Amino acid sequence: MQHKFCFTAVHRLFIDIRSVKGPNKPLFGGVPVIFGGDFAQILPVVVNGSRTQVVDACLQQCFIWPSLKRLRLRTNMRVRSGPEGYDNQPFIGWISSLPYDPLLYGPVRIPDFISQPTSLPLLINTIYPSTIL
């Protein structure tokens, strides 16, 4: 996630480019903008920042946040059941504990059951096992 100042800069840029005048300027100059992400898992980077500084840098702390229309996904696609014989339960347990388990604050160790290819061909073969390289 970007620092809240990035969103403010883009908003002001679109206001200037579109020459929007008046006190009630629409967000981003009236240009539709879509944001996506899980705010509990994607925080902005603040170099040497404290937890408070990182939270303060989030989009939710920006003046544009109350004006945004928020839509929520009803199904978490990362934790739904996979094909027959595919056990997704270890991943479901691990990913759902990340934002809430205090033991996982700081550096996070990727579990062994998550594939970590070390080259591009291995990555492609992991994602598309039937592809011939």
N, C-alpha and C. Protein backbone atom coordinates (compact mmCIF):
# COMPACT_ATOMS: atom_id res chain seq x y z
N MET A 1 0.84 -1.17 0.00
CA MET A 1 0.00 0.00 0.00
C MET A 1 0.90 1.24 0.00
N GLN A 2 0.44 2.25 -0.64
CA GLN A 2 1.18 3.51 -0.72
C GLN A 2 0.86 4.39 0.49
N HIS A 3 1.75 5.32 0.76
CA HIS A 3 1.55 6.31 1.81
C HIS A 3 0.34 7.17 1.43
N LYS A 4 -0.39 7.66 2.41
CA LYS A 4 -1.58 8.47 2.13
C LYS A 4 -1.25 9.71 1.31
N PHE A 5 -0.02 10.21 1.41
CA PHE A 5 0.35 11.39 0.64
C PHE A 5 0.35 11.10 -0.87
N CYS A 6 0.58 9.85 -1.27
CA CYS A 6 0.54 9.49 -2.69
C CYS A 6 -0.87 9.67 -3.24
N PHE A 7 -1.87 9.25 -2.47
CA PHE A 7 -3.26 9.39 -2.91
C PHE A 7 -3.66 10.87 -2.97
N THR A 8 -3.18 11.64 -2.00
CA THR A 8 -3.46 13.07 -1.99
C THR A 8 -2.82 13.74 -3.22
N ALA A 9 -1.61 13.35 -3.55
CA ALA A 9 -0.92 13.93 -4.71
C ALA A 9 -1.66 13.61 -6.01
N VAL A 10 -2.12 12.37 -6.15
CA VAL A 10 -2.85 11.98 -7.36
C VAL A 10 -4.18 12.74 -7.43
N HIS A 11 -4.86 12.86 -6.31
CA HIS A 11 -6.12 13.62 -6.25
C HIS A 11 -5.89 15.05 -6.74
N ARG A 12 -4.87 15.70 -6.20
CA ARG A 12 -4.59 17.09 -6.58
C ARG A 12 -4.14 17.21 -8.04
N LEU A 13 -3.39 16.22 -8.51
CA LEU A 13 -2.95 16.22 -9.90
C LEU A 13 -4.16 16.16 -10.85
N PHE A 14 -5.10 15.26 -10.56
CA PHE A 14 -6.30 15.16 -11.41
C PHE A 14 -7.16 16.42 -11.34
N ILE A 15 -7.23 17.03 -10.17
CA ILE A 15 -7.95 18.31 -10.04
C ILE A 15 -7.31 19.35 -10.96
N ASP A 16 -5.98 19.43 -10.95
CA ASP A 16 -5.27 20.40 -11.79
C ASP A 16 -5.42 20.08 -13.27
N ILE A 17 -5.21 18.81 -13.65
CA ILE A 17 -5.27 18.42 -15.06
C ILE A 17 -6.66 18.67 -15.64
N ARG A 18 -7.68 18.38 -14.87
CA ARG A 18 -9.06 18.54 -15.36
C ARG A 18 -9.59 19.94 -15.15
N SER A 19 -8.78 20.83 -14.58
CA SER A 19 -9.14 22.24 -14.34
C SER A 19 -10.46 22.36 -13.57
N VAL A 20 -10.59 21.57 -12.52
CA VAL A 20 -11.80 21.60 -11.69
C VAL A 20 -11.74 22.83 -10.80
N LYS A 21 -12.81 23.61 -10.80
CA LYS A 21 -12.87 24.85 -10.01
C LYS A 21 -13.98 24.72 -8.97
N GLY A 22 -13.95 25.60 -8.01
CA GLY A 22 -15.01 25.67 -7.01
C GLY A 22 -14.65 24.97 -5.72
N PRO A 23 -15.45 25.22 -4.68
CA PRO A 23 -15.14 24.68 -3.35
C PRO A 23 -15.44 23.18 -3.22
N ASN A 24 -16.38 22.67 -3.97
CA ASN A 24 -16.77 21.25 -3.86
C ASN A 24 -16.17 20.43 -4.98
N LYS A 25 -14.86 20.29 -4.95
CA LYS A 25 -14.17 19.55 -6.01
C LYS A 25 -14.38 18.05 -5.80
N PRO A 26 -14.77 17.33 -6.88
CA PRO A 26 -14.94 15.88 -6.73
C PRO A 26 -13.60 15.19 -6.53
N LEU A 27 -13.63 14.04 -5.86
CA LEU A 27 -12.40 13.28 -5.65
C LEU A 27 -11.76 12.95 -6.98
N PHE A 28 -10.45 13.08 -7.05
CA PHE A 28 -9.66 12.76 -8.23
C PHE A 28 -10.21 13.45 -9.48
N GLY A 29 -10.74 14.65 -9.30
CA GLY A 29 -11.23 15.44 -10.42
C GLY A 29 -12.39 14.80 -11.15
N GLY A 30 -13.09 13.88 -10.51
CA GLY A 30 -14.22 13.21 -11.14
C GLY A 30 -13.83 11.96 -11.92
N VAL A 31 -12.55 11.59 -11.90
CA VAL A 31 -12.07 10.39 -12.58
C VAL A 31 -12.33 9.19 -11.67
N PRO A 32 -13.04 8.16 -12.15
CA PRO A 32 -13.26 6.98 -11.30
C PRO A 32 -11.94 6.28 -10.99
N VAL A 33 -11.71 5.97 -9.73
CA VAL A 33 -10.49 5.31 -9.28
C VAL A 33 -10.89 4.12 -8.43
N ILE A 34 -10.24 2.99 -8.66
CA ILE A 34 -10.53 1.77 -7.90
C ILE A 34 -9.28 1.38 -7.13
N PHE A 35 -9.44 1.20 -5.83
CA PHE A 35 -8.36 0.72 -4.96
C PHE A 35 -8.70 -0.70 -4.57
N GLY A 36 -7.69 -1.50 -4.33
CA GLY A 36 -7.95 -2.86 -3.88
C GLY A 36 -6.90 -3.29 -2.89
N GLY A 37 -7.28 -4.21 -2.05
CA GLY A 37 -6.32 -4.76 -1.11
C GLY A 37 -6.95 -5.03 0.23
N ASP A 38 -6.23 -5.75 1.03
CA ASP A 38 -6.63 -6.06 2.39
C ASP A 38 -5.81 -5.16 3.30
N PHE A 39 -6.46 -4.15 3.86
CA PHE A 39 -5.73 -3.16 4.63
C PHE A 39 -5.10 -3.72 5.89
N ALA A 40 -5.55 -4.89 6.34
CA ALA A 40 -4.94 -5.53 7.50
C ALA A 40 -3.62 -6.20 7.13
N GLN A 41 -3.41 -6.45 5.84
CA GLN A 41 -2.22 -7.18 5.42
C GLN A 41 -1.27 -6.36 4.55
N ILE A 42 -1.72 -5.23 4.04
CA ILE A 42 -0.88 -4.44 3.15
C ILE A 42 -0.73 -3.04 3.74
N LEU A 43 0.35 -2.83 4.47
CA LEU A 43 0.58 -1.54 5.10
C LEU A 43 1.62 -0.75 4.32
N PRO A 44 1.54 0.58 4.40
CA PRO A 44 2.57 1.38 3.73
C PRO A 44 3.92 1.22 4.42
N VAL A 45 4.97 1.43 3.67
CA VAL A 45 6.32 1.34 4.22
C VAL A 45 6.73 2.73 4.71
N VAL A 46 7.09 2.82 5.98
CA VAL A 46 7.64 4.03 6.56
C VAL A 46 9.02 3.65 7.09
N VAL A 47 10.06 4.11 6.42
CA VAL A 47 11.42 3.73 6.79
C VAL A 47 11.70 4.12 8.24
N ASN A 48 12.12 3.13 9.02
CA ASN A 48 12.40 3.30 10.45
C ASN A 48 11.21 3.88 11.21
N GLY A 49 10.01 3.65 10.70
CA GLY A 49 8.81 4.18 11.34
C GLY A 49 8.30 3.28 12.45
N SER A 50 7.69 3.88 13.43
CA SER A 50 7.06 3.12 14.50
C SER A 50 5.71 2.59 14.01
N ARG A 51 5.11 1.74 14.80
CA ARG A 51 3.79 1.21 14.44
C ARG A 51 2.78 2.35 14.27
N THR A 52 2.85 3.33 15.15
CA THR A 52 1.95 4.49 15.08
C THR A 52 2.16 5.26 13.78
N GLN A 53 3.40 5.46 13.37
CA GLN A 53 3.68 6.19 12.13
C GLN A 53 3.19 5.43 10.91
N VAL A 54 3.32 4.11 10.94
CA VAL A 54 2.85 3.29 9.82
C VAL A 54 1.33 3.38 9.72
N VAL A 55 0.64 3.26 10.85
CA VAL A 55 -0.82 3.35 10.84
C VAL A 55 -1.26 4.74 10.37
N ASP A 56 -0.56 5.78 10.82
CA ASP A 56 -0.91 7.14 10.42
C ASP A 56 -0.70 7.37 8.92
N ALA A 57 0.17 6.59 8.28
CA ALA A 57 0.45 6.74 6.85
C ALA A 57 -0.59 6.03 5.98
N CYS A 58 -1.50 5.27 6.58
CA CYS A 58 -2.49 4.48 5.82
C CYS A 58 -3.54 5.37 5.15
N LEU A 59 -4.10 4.85 4.10
CA LEU A 59 -5.15 5.56 3.36
C LEU A 59 -6.33 5.90 4.26
N GLN A 60 -6.65 5.05 5.23
CA GLN A 60 -7.78 5.30 6.12
C GLN A 60 -7.61 6.58 6.93
N GLN A 61 -6.38 7.07 7.05
CA GLN A 61 -6.10 8.29 7.80
C GLN A 61 -6.08 9.53 6.91
N CYS A 62 -6.35 9.34 5.62
CA CYS A 62 -6.33 10.44 4.65
C CYS A 62 -7.70 11.13 4.60
N PHE A 63 -7.71 12.39 4.26
CA PHE A 63 -8.97 13.15 4.21
C PHE A 63 -9.94 12.61 3.16
N ILE A 64 -9.44 11.85 2.17
CA ILE A 64 -10.35 11.35 1.14
C ILE A 64 -11.09 10.08 1.58
N TRP A 65 -10.61 9.39 2.62
CA TRP A 65 -11.19 8.11 3.03
C TRP A 65 -12.71 8.18 3.29
N PRO A 66 -13.21 9.16 4.04
CA PRO A 66 -14.66 9.17 4.31
C PRO A 66 -15.51 9.34 3.05
N SER A 67 -14.94 9.89 1.99
CA SER A 67 -15.69 10.13 0.76
C SER A 67 -15.68 8.93 -0.19
N LEU A 68 -14.86 7.93 0.09
CA LEU A 68 -14.77 6.76 -0.79
C LEU A 68 -15.93 5.80 -0.55
N LYS A 69 -16.39 5.19 -1.61
CA LYS A 69 -17.41 4.16 -1.50
C LYS A 69 -16.68 2.83 -1.35
N ARG A 70 -16.91 2.15 -0.24
CA ARG A 70 -16.22 0.90 0.03
C ARG A 70 -17.12 -0.29 -0.29
N LEU A 71 -16.57 -1.20 -1.09
CA LEU A 71 -17.25 -2.44 -1.43
C LEU A 71 -16.45 -3.57 -0.81
N ARG A 72 -17.12 -4.60 -0.36
CA ARG A 72 -16.42 -5.72 0.27
C ARG A 72 -16.72 -7.00 -0.50
N LEU A 73 -15.66 -7.80 -0.66
CA LEU A 73 -15.85 -9.12 -1.25
C LEU A 73 -16.53 -10.01 -0.23
N ARG A 74 -17.40 -10.86 -0.71
CA ARG A 74 -18.12 -11.75 0.20
C ARG A 74 -17.41 -13.09 0.37
N THR A 75 -16.58 -13.46 -0.60
CA THR A 75 -15.88 -14.73 -0.55
C THR A 75 -14.39 -14.47 -0.66
N ASN A 76 -13.63 -14.94 0.32
CA ASN A 76 -12.19 -14.82 0.27
C ASN A 76 -11.67 -15.91 -0.66
N MET A 77 -11.22 -15.52 -1.84
CA MET A 77 -10.82 -16.49 -2.86
C MET A 77 -9.56 -17.25 -2.45
N ARG A 78 -8.75 -16.70 -1.57
CA ARG A 78 -7.53 -17.38 -1.14
C ARG A 78 -7.82 -18.55 -0.22
N VAL A 79 -8.97 -18.55 0.44
CA VAL A 79 -9.23 -19.59 1.42
C VAL A 79 -10.41 -20.48 1.05
N ARG A 80 -10.82 -20.46 -0.18
CA ARG A 80 -11.91 -21.36 -0.58
C ARG A 80 -11.34 -22.73 -0.91
N SER A 81 -12.19 -23.70 -0.96
CA SER A 81 -11.76 -25.07 -1.23
C SER A 81 -11.24 -25.18 -2.65
N GLY A 82 -10.19 -25.97 -2.79
CA GLY A 82 -9.58 -26.19 -4.10
C GLY A 82 -10.15 -27.43 -4.76
N PRO A 83 -9.49 -27.91 -5.81
CA PRO A 83 -9.93 -29.11 -6.50
C PRO A 83 -9.88 -30.33 -5.58
N GLU A 84 -10.58 -31.38 -5.99
CA GLU A 84 -10.60 -32.62 -5.22
C GLU A 84 -9.18 -33.08 -4.89
N GLY A 85 -8.98 -33.49 -3.66
CA GLY A 85 -7.67 -33.99 -3.25
C GLY A 85 -6.68 -32.90 -2.89
N TYR A 86 -7.08 -31.64 -3.01
CA TYR A 86 -6.18 -30.53 -2.70
C TYR A 86 -6.52 -30.01 -1.31
N ASP A 87 -5.59 -30.13 -0.38
CA ASP A 87 -5.83 -29.71 0.99
C ASP A 87 -5.31 -28.28 1.19
N ASN A 88 -6.21 -27.35 1.35
CA ASN A 88 -5.88 -25.94 1.50
C ASN A 88 -5.91 -25.51 2.96
N GLN A 89 -6.25 -26.41 3.88
CA GLN A 89 -6.44 -26.03 5.27
C GLN A 89 -5.19 -25.45 5.95
N PRO A 90 -3.99 -25.99 5.73
CA PRO A 90 -2.82 -25.36 6.37
C PRO A 90 -2.64 -23.90 5.95
N PHE A 91 -2.82 -23.62 4.67
CA PHE A 91 -2.68 -22.25 4.18
C PHE A 91 -3.78 -21.36 4.77
N ILE A 92 -4.99 -21.87 4.82
CA ILE A 92 -6.11 -21.10 5.36
C ILE A 92 -5.81 -20.69 6.81
N GLY A 93 -5.34 -21.64 7.60
CA GLY A 93 -5.02 -21.33 9.00
C GLY A 93 -3.91 -20.31 9.13
N TRP A 94 -2.87 -20.47 8.31
CA TRP A 94 -1.72 -19.57 8.39
C TRP A 94 -2.08 -18.15 7.95
N ILE A 95 -2.72 -18.02 6.80
CA ILE A 95 -3.01 -16.68 6.25
C ILE A 95 -4.02 -15.94 7.12
N SER A 96 -4.96 -16.65 7.70
CA SER A 96 -5.96 -15.97 8.52
C SER A 96 -5.40 -15.53 9.87
N SER A 97 -4.29 -16.12 10.32
CA SER A 97 -3.70 -15.73 11.60
C SER A 97 -2.74 -14.55 11.47
N LEU A 98 -2.31 -14.23 10.27
CA LEU A 98 -1.27 -13.20 10.09
C LEU A 98 -1.59 -11.85 10.74
N PRO A 99 -2.73 -11.24 10.45
CA PRO A 99 -2.90 -9.90 11.01
C PRO A 99 -3.27 -9.90 12.49
N TYR A 100 -3.55 -11.05 13.08
CA TYR A 100 -4.08 -11.07 14.44
C TYR A 100 -3.19 -11.77 15.45
N ASP A 101 -2.19 -12.52 15.03
CA ASP A 101 -1.34 -13.26 15.94
C ASP A 101 -0.13 -12.41 16.32
N PRO A 102 -0.04 -11.94 17.58
CA PRO A 102 1.09 -11.07 17.98
C PRO A 102 2.46 -11.73 17.78
N LEU A 103 2.50 -13.07 17.78
CA LEU A 103 3.78 -13.74 17.56
C LEU A 103 4.29 -13.54 16.14
N LEU A 104 3.39 -13.15 15.23
CA LEU A 104 3.77 -12.97 13.83
C LEU A 104 4.06 -11.51 13.48
N TYR A 105 4.02 -10.60 14.45
CA TYR A 105 4.38 -9.22 14.17
C TYR A 105 5.87 -9.18 13.87
N GLY A 106 6.27 -8.39 12.92
CA GLY A 106 7.67 -8.34 12.52
C GLY A 106 7.90 -9.28 11.35
N PRO A 107 9.12 -9.79 11.20
CA PRO A 107 9.42 -10.69 10.07
C PRO A 107 8.55 -11.96 10.14
N VAL A 108 8.02 -12.35 9.00
CA VAL A 108 7.15 -13.52 8.92
C VAL A 108 7.89 -14.62 8.18
N ARG A 109 7.94 -15.80 8.77
CA ARG A 109 8.57 -16.95 8.13
C ARG A 109 7.53 -17.64 7.26
N ILE A 110 7.86 -17.85 6.00
CA ILE A 110 6.96 -18.54 5.08
C ILE A 110 7.02 -20.03 5.41
N PRO A 111 5.86 -20.65 5.69
CA PRO A 111 5.84 -22.08 6.02
C PRO A 111 6.36 -22.95 4.88
N ASP A 112 6.86 -24.13 5.24
CA ASP A 112 7.41 -25.06 4.25
C ASP A 112 6.37 -25.54 3.24
N PHE A 113 5.08 -25.57 3.63
CA PHE A 113 4.06 -26.08 2.72
C PHE A 113 3.73 -25.10 1.60
N ILE A 114 4.26 -23.87 1.67
CA ILE A 114 4.05 -22.89 0.60
C ILE A 114 5.23 -22.98 -0.36
N SER A 115 4.93 -23.23 -1.62
CA SER A 115 5.97 -23.40 -2.64
C SER A 115 6.74 -22.10 -2.81
N GLN A 116 8.07 -22.21 -2.87
CA GLN A 116 8.93 -21.05 -3.03
C GLN A 116 9.93 -21.31 -4.16
N PRO A 117 9.48 -21.26 -5.41
CA PRO A 117 10.38 -21.52 -6.54
C PRO A 117 11.54 -20.52 -6.56
N THR A 118 12.69 -20.99 -6.97
CA THR A 118 13.90 -20.15 -6.96
C THR A 118 14.31 -19.64 -8.33
N SER A 119 13.55 -19.99 -9.36
CA SER A 119 13.85 -19.49 -10.71
C SER A 119 12.54 -19.29 -11.46
N LEU A 120 12.62 -18.55 -12.55
CA LEU A 120 11.42 -18.29 -13.34
C LEU A 120 10.82 -19.57 -13.92
N PRO A 121 11.61 -20.48 -14.51
CA PRO A 121 11.02 -21.72 -15.02
C PRO A 121 10.32 -22.54 -13.91
N LEU A 122 10.92 -22.60 -12.72
CA LEU A 122 10.28 -23.32 -11.62
C LEU A 122 8.98 -22.64 -11.20
N LEU A 123 8.97 -21.30 -11.19
CA LEU A 123 7.75 -20.56 -10.86
C LEU A 123 6.64 -20.87 -11.86
N ILE A 124 6.96 -20.80 -13.14
CA ILE A 124 5.97 -21.08 -14.18
C ILE A 124 5.46 -22.51 -14.06
N ASN A 125 6.37 -23.45 -13.83
CA ASN A 125 5.98 -24.85 -13.71
C ASN A 125 5.11 -25.08 -12.47
N THR A 126 5.35 -24.33 -11.41
CA THR A 126 4.54 -24.46 -10.20
C THR A 126 3.13 -23.94 -10.45
N ILE A 127 3.00 -22.83 -11.15
CA ILE A 127 1.69 -22.23 -11.40
C ILE A 127 0.95 -22.96 -12.52
N TYR A 128 1.66 -23.34 -13.56
CA TYR A 128 1.08 -24.02 -14.71
C TYR A 128 1.81 -25.34 -14.92
N PRO A 129 1.48 -26.39 -14.15
CA PRO A 129 2.24 -27.63 -14.21
C PRO A 129 2.20 -28.34 -15.55
N SER A 130 1.20 -28.08 -16.37
CA SER A 130 1.11 -28.77 -17.65
C SER A 130 1.87 -28.04 -18.78
N THR A 131 2.45 -26.88 -18.48
CA THR A 131 3.17 -26.09 -19.48
C THR A 131 4.55 -26.71 -19.72
N ILE A 132 4.89 -26.83 -20.98
CA ILE A 132 6.21 -27.37 -21.34
C ILE A 132 7.13 -26.21 -21.67
N LEU A 133 8.26 -26.15 -20.99
CA LEU A 133 9.23 -25.06 -21.24
C LEU A 133 10.37 -25.56 -22.08
